[in-house]
Amino acid sequence: MSKKTALVVGAVIAIIVIFALNDGKQQASGASATGCKVTVTADVLNARETADGNAKVVGKYLRDAQFDTLPGVQNGFRKVADAKWVAAEFTQPVAGSAC
């Protein structure tokens, strides 16, 4: 292996290690990519396709599950992802979260 190749491989490995260490610190501190992280307060919380209690169920969360949502509430629902909404009344923002 040439010196140039070894330097490139070493740099790539260093970047991966730095990224992994920073990602672990963010997750450990409770940081949220959206700024809003919630905990489920119901025994089972249905995730629905739209912000409507009659919409198709596309997933489920169990009590005490934590996940990111977009800040704010629309029609009584929090948006988790595209085509994935949960009833806001069964979630509690995590302390320090910007919900």
PDB file of N, CA and C in Angstrom:
ATOM      1  N   MET A   1       0.862  -1.170   0.000  1.00  0.00           N
ATOM      2  CA  MET A   1       0.000   0.000   0.000  1.00  0.00           C
ATOM      3  C   MET A   1       0.907   1.231   0.000  1.00  0.00           C
ATOM      4  N   SER A   2       0.593   2.188  -0.858  1.00  0.00           N
ATOM      5  CA  SER A   2       1.406   3.398  -0.935  1.00  0.00           C
ATOM      6  C   SER A   2       1.122   4.323   0.242  1.00  0.00           C
ATOM      7  N   LYS A   3       2.028   5.262   0.481  1.00  0.00           N
ATOM      8  CA  LYS A   3       1.834   6.218   1.575  1.00  0.00           C
ATOM      9  C   LYS A   3       0.578   7.043   1.357  1.00  0.00           C
ATOM     10  N   LYS A   4       0.331   7.426   0.122  1.00  0.00           N
ATOM     11  CA  LYS A   4      -0.848   8.251  -0.205  1.00  0.00           C
ATOM     12  C   LYS A   4      -2.134   7.484   0.119  1.00  0.00           C
ATOM     13  N   THR A   5      -2.198   6.221  -0.254  1.00  0.00           N
ATOM     14  CA  THR A   5      -3.370   5.392   0.030  1.00  0.00           C
ATOM     15  C   THR A   5      -3.549   5.212   1.526  1.00  0.00           C
ATOM     16  N   ALA A   6      -2.455   4.989   2.235  1.00  0.00           N
ATOM     17  CA  ALA A   6      -2.515   4.806   3.690  1.00  0.00           C
ATOM     18  C   ALA A   6      -3.022   6.071   4.371  1.00  0.00           C
ATOM     19  N   LEU A   7      -2.583   7.234   3.905  1.00  0.00           N
ATOM     20  CA  LEU A   7      -3.051   8.506   4.469  1.00  0.00           C
ATOM     21  C   LEU A   7      -4.549   8.698   4.233  1.00  0.00           C
ATOM     22  N   VAL A   8      -5.013   8.385   3.043  1.00  0.00           N
ATOM     23  CA  VAL A   8      -6.436   8.530   2.727  1.00  0.00           C
ATOM     24  C   VAL A   8      -7.269   7.579   3.584  1.00  0.00           C
ATOM     25  N   VAL A   9      -6.848   6.340   3.689  1.00  0.00           N
ATOM     26  CA  VAL A   9      -7.566   5.361   4.506  1.00  0.00           C
ATOM     27  C   VAL A   9      -7.567   5.796   5.967  1.00  0.00           C
ATOM     28  N   GLY A  10      -6.435   6.270   6.459  1.00  0.00           N
ATOM     29  CA  GLY A  10      -6.348   6.751   7.834  1.00  0.00           C
ATOM     30  C   GLY A  10      -7.267   7.935   8.081  1.00  0.00           C
ATOM     31  N   ALA A  11      -7.335   8.863   7.135  1.00  0.00           N
ATOM     32  CA  ALA A  11      -8.208  10.035   7.274  1.00  0.00           C
ATOM     33  C   ALA A  11      -9.678   9.614   7.305  1.00  0.00           C
ATOM     34  N   VAL A  12     -10.047   8.685   6.456  1.00  0.00           N
ATOM     35  CA  VAL A  12     -11.435   8.207   6.428  1.00  0.00           C
ATOM     36  C   VAL A  12     -11.787   7.536   7.748  1.00  0.00           C
ATOM     37  N   ILE A  13     -10.908   6.720   8.266  1.00  0.00           N
ATOM     38  CA  ILE A  13     -11.155   6.053   9.546  1.00  0.00           C
ATOM     39  C   ILE A  13     -11.275   7.082  10.664  1.00  0.00           C
ATOM     40  N   ALA A  14     -10.403   8.093  10.655  1.00  0.00           N
ATOM     41  CA  ALA A  14     -10.466   9.139  11.679  1.00  0.00           C
ATOM     42  C   ALA A  14     -11.804   9.873  11.629  1.00  0.00           C
ATOM     43  N   ILE A  15     -12.280  10.192  10.440  1.00  0.00           N
ATOM     44  CA  ILE A  15     -13.574  10.881  10.290  1.00  0.00           C
ATOM     45  C   ILE A  15     -14.709  10.012  10.823  1.00  0.00           C
ATOM     46  N   ILE A  16     -14.683   8.733  10.518  1.00  0.00           N
ATOM     47  CA  ILE A  16     -15.733   7.819  10.992  1.00  0.00           C
ATOM     48  C   ILE A  16     -15.722   7.745  12.518  1.00  0.00           C
ATOM     49  N   VAL A  17     -14.540   7.648  13.107  1.00  0.00           N
ATOM     50  CA  VAL A  17     -14.430   7.566  14.565  1.00  0.00           C
ATOM     51  C   VAL A  17     -14.950   8.855  15.209  1.00  0.00           C
ATOM     52  N   ILE A  18     -14.550  10.002  14.679  1.00  0.00           N
ATOM     53  CA  ILE A  18     -15.007  11.286  15.227  1.00  0.00           C
ATOM     54  C   ILE A  18     -16.523  11.397  15.113  1.00  0.00           C
ATOM     55  N   PHE A  19     -17.073  11.035  13.977  1.00  0.00           N
ATOM     56  CA  PHE A  19     -18.523  11.086  13.786  1.00  0.00           C
ATOM     57  C   PHE A  19     -19.234  10.175  14.782  1.00  0.00           C
ATOM     58  N   ALA A  20     -18.727   8.968  14.963  1.00  0.00           N
ATOM     59  CA  ALA A  20     -19.360   8.014  15.881  1.00  0.00           C
ATOM     60  C   ALA A  20     -19.307   8.525  17.315  1.00  0.00           C
ATOM     61  N   LEU A  21     -18.194   9.104  17.718  1.00  0.00           N
ATOM     62  CA  LEU A  21     -18.079   9.634  19.078  1.00  0.00           C
ATOM     63  C   LEU A  21     -19.028  10.806  19.297  1.00  0.00           C
ATOM     64  N   ASN A  22     -19.134  11.706  18.338  1.00  0.00           N
ATOM     65  CA  ASN A  22     -20.043  12.848  18.469  1.00  0.00           C
ATOM     66  C   ASN A  22     -21.490  12.401  18.465  1.00  0.00           C
ATOM     67  N   ASP A  23     -21.835  11.416  17.649  1.00  0.00           N
ATOM     68  CA  ASP A  23     -23.209  10.913  17.605  1.00  0.00           C
ATOM     69  C   ASP A  23     -23.582  10.289  18.936  1.00  0.00           C
ATOM     70  N   GLY A  24     -22.682   9.545  19.554  1.00  0.00           N
ATOM     71  CA  GLY A  24     -22.936   8.934  20.851  1.00  0.00           C
ATOM     72  C   GLY A  24     -23.165   9.975  21.926  1.00  0.00           C
ATOM     73  N   LYS A  25     -22.412  11.063  21.891  1.00  0.00           N
ATOM     74  CA  LYS A  25     -22.585  12.138  22.874  1.00  0.00           C
ATOM     75  C   LYS A  25     -23.936  12.798  22.714  1.00  0.00           C
ATOM     76  N   GLN A  26     -24.383  13.026  21.477  1.00  0.00           N
ATOM     77  CA  GLN A  26     -25.685  13.650  21.242  1.00  0.00           C
ATOM     78  C   GLN A  26     -26.805  12.751  21.727  1.00  0.00           C
ATOM     79  N   GLN A  27     -26.714  11.462  21.463  1.00  0.00           N
ATOM     80  CA  GLN A  27     -27.766  10.559  21.899  1.00  0.00           C
ATOM     81  C   GLN A  27     -27.775  10.440  23.418  1.00  0.00           C
ATOM     82  N   ALA A  28     -26.622  10.409  24.032  1.00  0.00           N
ATOM     83  CA  ALA A  28     -26.543  10.278  25.484  1.00  0.00           C
ATOM     84  C   ALA A  28     -27.104  11.510  26.179  1.00  0.00           C
ATOM     85  N   SER A  29     -26.964  12.677  25.570  1.00  0.00           N
ATOM     86  CA  SER A  29     -27.452  13.896  26.200  1.00  0.00           C
ATOM     87  C   SER A  29     -28.941  14.099  25.964  1.00  0.00           C
ATOM     88  N   GLY A  30     -29.578  13.207  25.211  1.00  0.00           N
ATOM     89  CA  GLY A  30     -31.008  13.333  24.947  1.00  0.00           C
ATOM     90  C   GLY A  30     -31.318  14.311  23.825  1.00  0.00           C
ATOM     91  N   ALA A  31     -30.310  14.686  23.062  1.00  0.00           N
ATOM     92  CA  ALA A  31     -30.511  15.623  21.966  1.00  0.00           C
ATOM     93  C   ALA A  31     -31.445  15.016  20.925  1.00  0.00           C
ATOM     94  N   SER A  32     -32.237  15.872  20.348  1.00  0.00           N
ATOM     95  CA  SER A  32     -33.206  15.429  19.350  1.00  0.00           C
ATOM     96  C   SER A  32     -32.923  16.142  18.040  1.00  0.00           C
ATOM     97  N   ALA A  33     -32.976  15.397  16.943  1.00  0.00           N
ATOM     98  CA  ALA A  33     -32.751  15.991  15.631  1.00  0.00           C
ATOM     99  C   ALA A  33     -33.806  17.040  15.306  1.00  0.00           C
ATOM    100  N   THR A  34     -35.014  16.881  15.819  1.00  0.00           N
ATOM    101  CA  THR A  34     -36.106  17.806  15.531  1.00  0.00           C
ATOM    102  C   THR A  34     -36.270  18.854  16.624  1.00  0.00           C
ATOM    103  N   GLY A  35     -35.603  18.665  17.742  1.00  0.00           N
ATOM    104  CA  GLY A  35     -35.764  19.572  18.876  1.00  0.00           C
ATOM    105  C   GLY A  35     -36.886  19.154  19.805  1.00  0.00           C
ATOM    106  N   CYS A  36     -37.701  18.196  19.384  1.00  0.00           N
ATOM    107  CA  CYS A  36     -38.834  17.739  20.189  1.00  0.00           C
ATOM    108  C   CYS A  36     -38.751  16.232  20.375  1.00  0.00           C
ATOM    109  N   LYS A  37     -38.631  15.800  21.616  1.00  0.00           N
ATOM    110  CA  LYS A  37     -38.605  14.369  21.946  1.00  0.00           C
ATOM    111  C   LYS A  37     -39.700  14.125  22.968  1.00  0.00           C
ATOM    112  N   VAL A  38     -40.486  13.075  22.764  1.00  0.00           N
ATOM    113  CA  VAL A  38     -41.613  12.785  23.641  1.00  0.00           C
ATOM    114  C   VAL A  38     -41.527  11.368  24.195  1.00  0.00           C
ATOM    115  N   THR A  39     -42.273  11.151  25.303  1.00  0.00           N
ATOM    116  CA  THR A  39     -42.425   9.835  25.919  1.00  0.00           C
ATOM    117  C   THR A  39     -43.888   9.440  25.817  1.00  0.00           C
ATOM    118  N   VAL A  40     -44.158   8.178  25.508  1.00  0.00           N
ATOM    119  CA  VAL A  40     -45.528   7.669  25.408  1.00  0.00           C
ATOM    120  C   VAL A  40     -46.089   7.452  26.804  1.00  0.00           C
ATOM    121  N   THR A  41     -47.312   7.963  27.042  1.00  0.00           N
ATOM    122  CA  THR A  41     -47.961   7.810  28.352  1.00  0.00           C
ATOM    123  C   THR A  41     -49.082   6.775  28.327  1.00  0.00           C
ATOM    124  N   ALA A  42     -49.504   6.334  27.169  1.00  0.00           N
ATOM    125  CA  ALA A  42     -50.549   5.306  27.042  1.00  0.00           C
ATOM    126  C   ALA A  42     -49.901   3.921  27.074  1.00  0.00           C
ATOM    127  N   ASP A  43     -50.683   2.892  27.371  1.00  0.00           N
ATOM    128  CA  ASP A  43     -50.154   1.525  27.322  1.00  0.00           C
ATOM    129  C   ASP A  43     -49.682   1.185  25.913  1.00  0.00           C
ATOM    130  N   VAL A  44     -50.507   1.513  24.908  1.00  0.00           N
ATOM    131  CA  VAL A  44     -50.167   1.338  23.500  1.00  0.00           C
ATOM    132  C   VAL A  44     -50.666   2.570  22.755  1.00  0.00           C
ATOM    133  N   LEU A  45     -49.795   3.186  21.977  1.00  0.00           N
ATOM    134  CA  LEU A  45     -50.147   4.376  21.206  1.00  0.00           C
ATOM    135  C   LEU A  45     -50.068   4.052  19.723  1.00  0.00           C
ATOM    136  N   ASN A  46     -51.186   4.202  19.024  1.00  0.00           N
ATOM    137  CA  ASN A  46     -51.213   3.958  17.588  1.00  0.00           C
ATOM    138  C   ASN A  46     -50.599   5.128  16.835  1.00  0.00           C
ATOM    139  N   ALA A  47     -49.798   4.830  15.843  1.00  0.00           N
ATOM    140  CA  ALA A  47     -49.312   5.829  14.898  1.00  0.00           C
ATOM    141  C   ALA A  47     -50.224   5.732  13.684  1.00  0.00           C
ATOM    142  N   ARG A  48     -50.700   6.874  13.222  1.00  0.00           N
ATOM    143  CA  ARG A  48     -51.669   6.889  12.123  1.00  0.00           C
ATOM    144  C   ARG A  48     -51.104   7.570  10.887  1.00  0.00           C
ATOM    145  N   GLU A  49     -51.703   7.256   9.754  1.00  0.00           N
ATOM    146  CA  GLU A  49     -51.229   7.756   8.462  1.00  0.00           C
ATOM    147  C   GLU A  49     -51.414   9.266   8.313  1.00  0.00           C
ATOM    148  N   THR A  50     -52.468   9.806   8.928  1.00  0.00           N
ATOM    149  CA  THR A  50     -52.737  11.239   8.894  1.00  0.00           C
ATOM    150  C   THR A  50     -53.135  11.698  10.295  1.00  0.00           C
ATOM    151  N   ALA A  51     -53.278  13.009  10.469  1.00  0.00           N
ATOM    152  CA  ALA A  51     -53.650  13.581  11.769  1.00  0.00           C
ATOM    153  C   ALA A  51     -55.151  13.455  11.974  1.00  0.00           C
ATOM    154  N   ASP A  52     -55.619  12.212  12.044  1.00  0.00           N
ATOM    155  CA  ASP A  52     -57.047  11.913  12.179  1.00  0.00           C
ATOM    156  C   ASP A  52     -57.181  10.602  12.956  1.00  0.00           C
ATOM    157  N   GLY A  53     -57.987  10.607  14.004  1.00  0.00           N
ATOM    158  CA  GLY A  53     -58.183   9.421  14.826  1.00  0.00           C
ATOM    159  C   GLY A  53     -58.774   8.240  14.090  1.00  0.00           C
ATOM    160  N   ASN A  54     -59.353   8.467  12.922  1.00  0.00           N
ATOM    161  CA  ASN A  54     -59.925   7.377  12.134  1.00  0.00           C
ATOM    162  C   ASN A  54     -59.004   6.930  11.006  1.00  0.00           C
ATOM    163  N   ALA A  55     -57.828   7.538  10.902  1.00  0.00           N
ATOM    164  CA  ALA A  55     -56.900   7.197   9.823  1.00  0.00           C
ATOM    165  C   ALA A  55     -56.300   5.809  10.043  1.00  0.00           C
ATOM    166  N   LYS A  56     -55.759   5.257   8.984  1.00  0.00           N
ATOM    167  CA  LYS A  56     -55.142   3.932   9.002  1.00  0.00           C
ATOM    168  C   LYS A  56     -53.989   3.897  10.008  1.00  0.00           C
ATOM    169  N   VAL A  57     -53.928   2.818  10.820  1.00  0.00           N
ATOM    170  CA  VAL A  57     -52.845   2.621  11.777  1.00  0.00           C
ATOM    171  C   VAL A  57     -51.627   2.094  11.008  1.00  0.00           C
ATOM    172  N   VAL A  58     -50.472   2.791  11.183  1.00  0.00           N
ATOM    173  CA  VAL A  58     -49.255   2.415  10.463  1.00  0.00           C
ATOM    174  C   VAL A  58     -48.123   1.988  11.395  1.00  0.00           C
ATOM    175  N   GLY A  59     -48.407   1.971  12.704  1.00  0.00           N
ATOM    176  CA  GLY A  59     -47.400   1.552  13.667  1.00  0.00           C
ATOM    177  C   GLY A  59     -47.928   1.681  15.077  1.00  0.00           C
ATOM    178  N   LYS A  60     -47.171   1.207  16.050  1.00  0.00           N
ATOM    179  CA  LYS A  60     -47.569   1.274  17.464  1.00  0.00           C
ATOM    180  C   LYS A  60     -46.344   1.562  18.317  1.00  0.00           C
ATOM    181  N   TYR A  61     -46.570   2.293  19.407  1.00  0.00           N
ATOM    182  CA  TYR A  61     -45.531   2.557  20.397  1.00  0.00           C
ATOM    183  C   TYR A  61     -46.051   2.073  21.744  1.00  0.00           C
ATOM    184  N   LEU A  62     -45.162   1.523  22.564  1.00  0.00           N
ATOM    185  CA  LEU A  62     -45.534   1.058  23.897  1.00  0.00           C
ATOM    186  C   LEU A  62     -45.223   2.129  24.932  1.00  0.00           C
ATOM    187  N   ARG A  63     -45.872   2.028  26.095  1.00  0.00           N
ATOM    188  CA  ARG A  63     -45.658   2.977  27.203  1.00  0.00           C
ATOM    189  C   ARG A  63     -44.161   3.169  27.458  1.00  0.00           C
ATOM    190  N   ASP A  64     -43.806   4.406  27.725  1.00  0.00           N
ATOM    191  CA  ASP A  64     -42.436   4.828  28.040  1.00  0.00           C
ATOM    192  C   ASP A  64     -41.492   4.847  26.844  1.00  0.00           C
ATOM    193  N   ALA A  65     -41.971   4.507  25.644  1.00  0.00           N
ATOM    194  CA  ALA A  65     -41.125   4.637  24.449  1.00  0.00           C
ATOM    195  C   ALA A  65     -40.836   6.122  24.249  1.00  0.00           C
ATOM    196  N   GLN A  66     -39.642   6.449  23.794  1.00  0.00           N
ATOM    197  CA  GLN A  66     -39.273   7.831  23.498  1.00  0.00           C
ATOM    198  C   GLN A  66     -38.880   7.937  22.037  1.00  0.00           C
ATOM    199  N   PHE A  67     -39.306   9.031  21.406  1.00  0.00           N
ATOM    200  CA  PHE A  67     -38.972   9.239  20.006  1.00  0.00           C
ATOM    201  C   PHE A  67     -39.101  10.718  19.655  1.00  0.00           C
ATOM    202  N   ASP A  68     -38.491  11.099  18.541  1.00  0.00           N
ATOM    203  CA  ASP A  68     -38.542  12.468  18.050  1.00  0.00           C
ATOM    204  C   ASP A  68     -39.849  12.720  17.310  1.00  0.00           C
ATOM    205  N   THR A  69     -40.371  13.938  17.482  1.00  0.00           N
ATOM    206  CA  THR A  69     -41.505  14.395  16.686  1.00  0.00           C
ATOM    207  C   THR A  69     -41.194  15.810  16.237  1.00  0.00           C
ATOM    208  N   LEU A  70     -41.977  16.309  15.326  1.00  0.00           N
ATOM    209  CA  LEU A  70     -41.839  17.717  14.961  1.00  0.00           C
ATOM    210  C   LEU A  70     -42.477  18.550  16.054  1.00  0.00           C
ATOM    211  N   PRO A  71     -41.931  19.728  16.331  1.00  0.00           N
ATOM    212  CA  PRO A  71     -42.541  20.594  17.342  1.00  0.00           C
ATOM    213  C   PRO A  71     -43.953  20.998  16.921  1.00  0.00           C
ATOM    214  N   GLY A  72     -44.806  21.206  17.901  1.00  0.00           N
ATOM    215  CA  GLY A  72     -46.168  21.660  17.622  1.00  0.00           C
ATOM    216  C   GLY A  72     -47.153  20.521  17.479  1.00  0.00           C
ATOM    217  N   VAL A  73     -48.414  20.895  17.563  1.00  0.00           N
ATOM    218  CA  VAL A  73     -49.513  19.927  17.479  1.00  0.00           C
ATOM    219  C   VAL A  73     -50.491  20.417  16.421  1.00  0.00           C
ATOM    220  N   GLN A  74     -50.961  19.501  15.590  1.00  0.00           N
ATOM    221  CA  GLN A  74     -51.936  19.823  14.547  1.00  0.00           C
ATOM    222  C   GLN A  74     -53.146  18.914  14.711  1.00  0.00           C
ATOM    223  N   ASN A  75     -54.305  19.509  14.914  1.00  0.00           N
ATOM    224  CA  ASN A  75     -55.540  18.740  15.024  1.00  0.00           C
ATOM    225  C   ASN A  75     -55.451  17.694  16.143  1.00  0.00           C
ATOM    226  N   GLY A  76     -54.666  18.015  17.216  1.00  0.00           N
ATOM    227  CA  GLY A  76     -54.525  17.080  18.334  1.00  0.00           C
ATOM    228  C   GLY A  76     -53.489  15.995  18.125  1.00  0.00           C
ATOM    229  N   PHE A  77     -52.691  16.089  17.053  1.00  0.00           N
ATOM    230  CA  PHE A  77     -51.698  15.070  16.717  1.00  0.00           C
ATOM    231  C   PHE A  77     -50.315  15.680  16.552  1.00  0.00           C
ATOM    232  N   ARG A  78     -49.306  14.870  16.869  1.00  0.00           N
ATOM    233  CA  ARG A  78     -47.914  15.240  16.641  1.00  0.00           C
ATOM    234  C   ARG A  78     -47.406  14.458  15.445  1.00  0.00           C
ATOM    235  N   LYS A  79     -46.663  15.136  14.562  1.00  0.00           N
ATOM    236  CA  LYS A  79     -46.109  14.472  13.383  1.00  0.00           C
ATOM    237  C   LYS A  79     -44.776  13.828  13.738  1.00  0.00           C
ATOM    238  N   VAL A  80     -44.683  12.520  13.517  1.00  0.00           N
ATOM    239  CA  VAL A  80     -43.475  11.757  13.799  1.00  0.00           C
ATOM    240  C   VAL A  80     -42.603  11.685  12.543  1.00  0.00           C
ATOM    241  N   ALA A  81     -43.227  11.448  11.408  1.00  0.00           N
ATOM    242  CA  ALA A  81     -42.540  11.322  10.119  1.00  0.00           C
ATOM    243  C   ALA A  81     -43.594  11.501   9.030  1.00  0.00           C
ATOM    244  N   ASP A  82     -43.158  11.459   7.784  1.00  0.00           N
ATOM    245  CA  ASP A  82     -44.130  11.518   6.696  1.00  0.00           C
ATOM    246  C   ASP A  82     -45.118  10.370   6.850  1.00  0.00           C
ATOM    247  N   ALA A  83     -46.403  10.687   6.821  1.00  0.00           N
ATOM    248  CA  ALA A  83     -47.481   9.704   6.946  1.00  0.00           C
ATOM    249  C   ALA A  83     -47.416   8.927   8.260  1.00  0.00           C
ATOM    250  N   LYS A  84     -46.991   9.610   9.352  1.00  0.00           N
ATOM    251  CA  LYS A  84     -46.940   8.959  10.667  1.00  0.00           C
ATOM    252  C   LYS A  84     -47.222  10.005  11.747  1.00  0.00           C
ATOM    253  N   TRP A  85     -48.396   9.898  12.367  1.00  0.00           N
ATOM    254  CA  TRP A  85     -48.866  10.846  13.374  1.00  0.00           C
ATOM    255  C   TRP A  85     -49.300  10.099  14.622  1.00  0.00           C
ATOM    256  N   VAL A  86     -49.147  10.733  15.789  1.00  0.00           N
ATOM    257  CA  VAL A  86     -49.615  10.142  17.046  1.00  0.00           C
ATOM    258  C   VAL A  86     -50.452  11.172  17.793  1.00  0.00           C
ATOM    259  N   ALA A  87     -51.426  10.686  18.576  1.00  0.00           N
ATOM    260  CA  ALA A  87     -52.275  11.572  19.370  1.00  0.00           C
ATOM    261  C   ALA A  87     -51.427  12.255  20.440  1.00  0.00           C
ATOM    262  N   ALA A  88     -51.424  13.580  20.441  1.00  0.00           N
ATOM    263  CA  ALA A  88     -50.587  14.364  21.356  1.00  0.00           C
ATOM    264  C   ALA A  88     -50.964  14.129  22.815  1.00  0.00           C
ATOM    265  N   GLU A  89     -52.241  13.847  23.088  1.00  0.00           N
ATOM    266  CA  GLU A  89     -52.676  13.672  24.480  1.00  0.00           C
ATOM    267  C   GLU A  89     -52.038  12.475  25.163  1.00  0.00           C
ATOM    268  N   PHE A  90     -51.444  11.558  24.379  1.00  0.00           N
ATOM    269  CA  PHE A  90     -50.820  10.367  24.951  1.00  0.00           C
ATOM    270  C   PHE A  90     -49.293  10.442  24.872  1.00  0.00           C
ATOM    271  N   THR A  91     -48.780  11.669  24.716  1.00  0.00           N
ATOM    272  CA  THR A  91     -47.331  11.887  24.729  1.00  0.00           C
ATOM    273  C   THR A  91     -47.003  12.977  25.721  1.00  0.00           C
ATOM    274  N   GLN A  92     -45.806  12.907  26.285  1.00  0.00           N
ATOM    275  CA  GLN A  92     -45.322  13.920  27.224  1.00  0.00           C
ATOM    276  C   GLN A  92     -43.938  14.362  26.734  1.00  0.00           C
ATOM    277  N   PRO A  93     -43.750  15.666  26.474  1.00  0.00           N
ATOM    278  CA  PRO A  93     -42.419  16.111  26.060  1.00  0.00           C
ATOM    279  C   PRO A  93     -41.360  15.772  27.115  1.00  0.00           C
ATOM    280  N   VAL A  94     -40.197  15.323  26.652  1.00  0.00           N
ATOM    281  CA  VAL A  94     -39.079  15.037  27.550  1.00  0.00           C
ATOM    282  C   VAL A  94     -38.546  16.362  28.081  1.00  0.00           C
ATOM    283  N   ALA A  95     -38.135  16.381  29.336  1.00  0.00           N
ATOM    284  CA  ALA A  95     -37.618  17.603  29.960  1.00  0.00           C
ATOM    285  C   ALA A  95     -36.508  18.190  29.099  1.00  0.00           C
ATOM    286  N   GLY A  96     -36.591  19.491  28.860  1.00  0.00           N
ATOM    287  CA  GLY A  96     -35.600  20.205  28.070  1.00  0.00           C
ATOM    288  C   GLY A  96     -35.860  20.131  26.581  1.00  0.00           C
ATOM    289  N   SER A  97     -36.901  19.427  26.168  1.00  0.00           N
ATOM    290  CA  SER A  97     -37.243  19.287  24.764  1.00  0.00           C
ATOM    291  C   SER A  97     -38.015  20.509  24.301  1.00  0.00           C
ATOM    292  N   ALA A  98     -37.824  20.898  23.050  1.00  0.00           N
ATOM    293  CA  ALA A  98     -38.485  22.078  22.487  1.00  0.00           C
ATOM    294  C   ALA A  98     -39.727  21.677  21.700  1.00  0.00           C
ATOM    295  N   CYS A  99     -40.726  21.221  22.414  1.00  0.00           N
ATOM    296  CA  CYS A  99     -41.966  20.810  21.760  1.00  0.00           C
ATOM    297  C   CYS A  99     -42.967  21.953  21.802  1.00  0.00           C
TER     298      CYS A  99
END
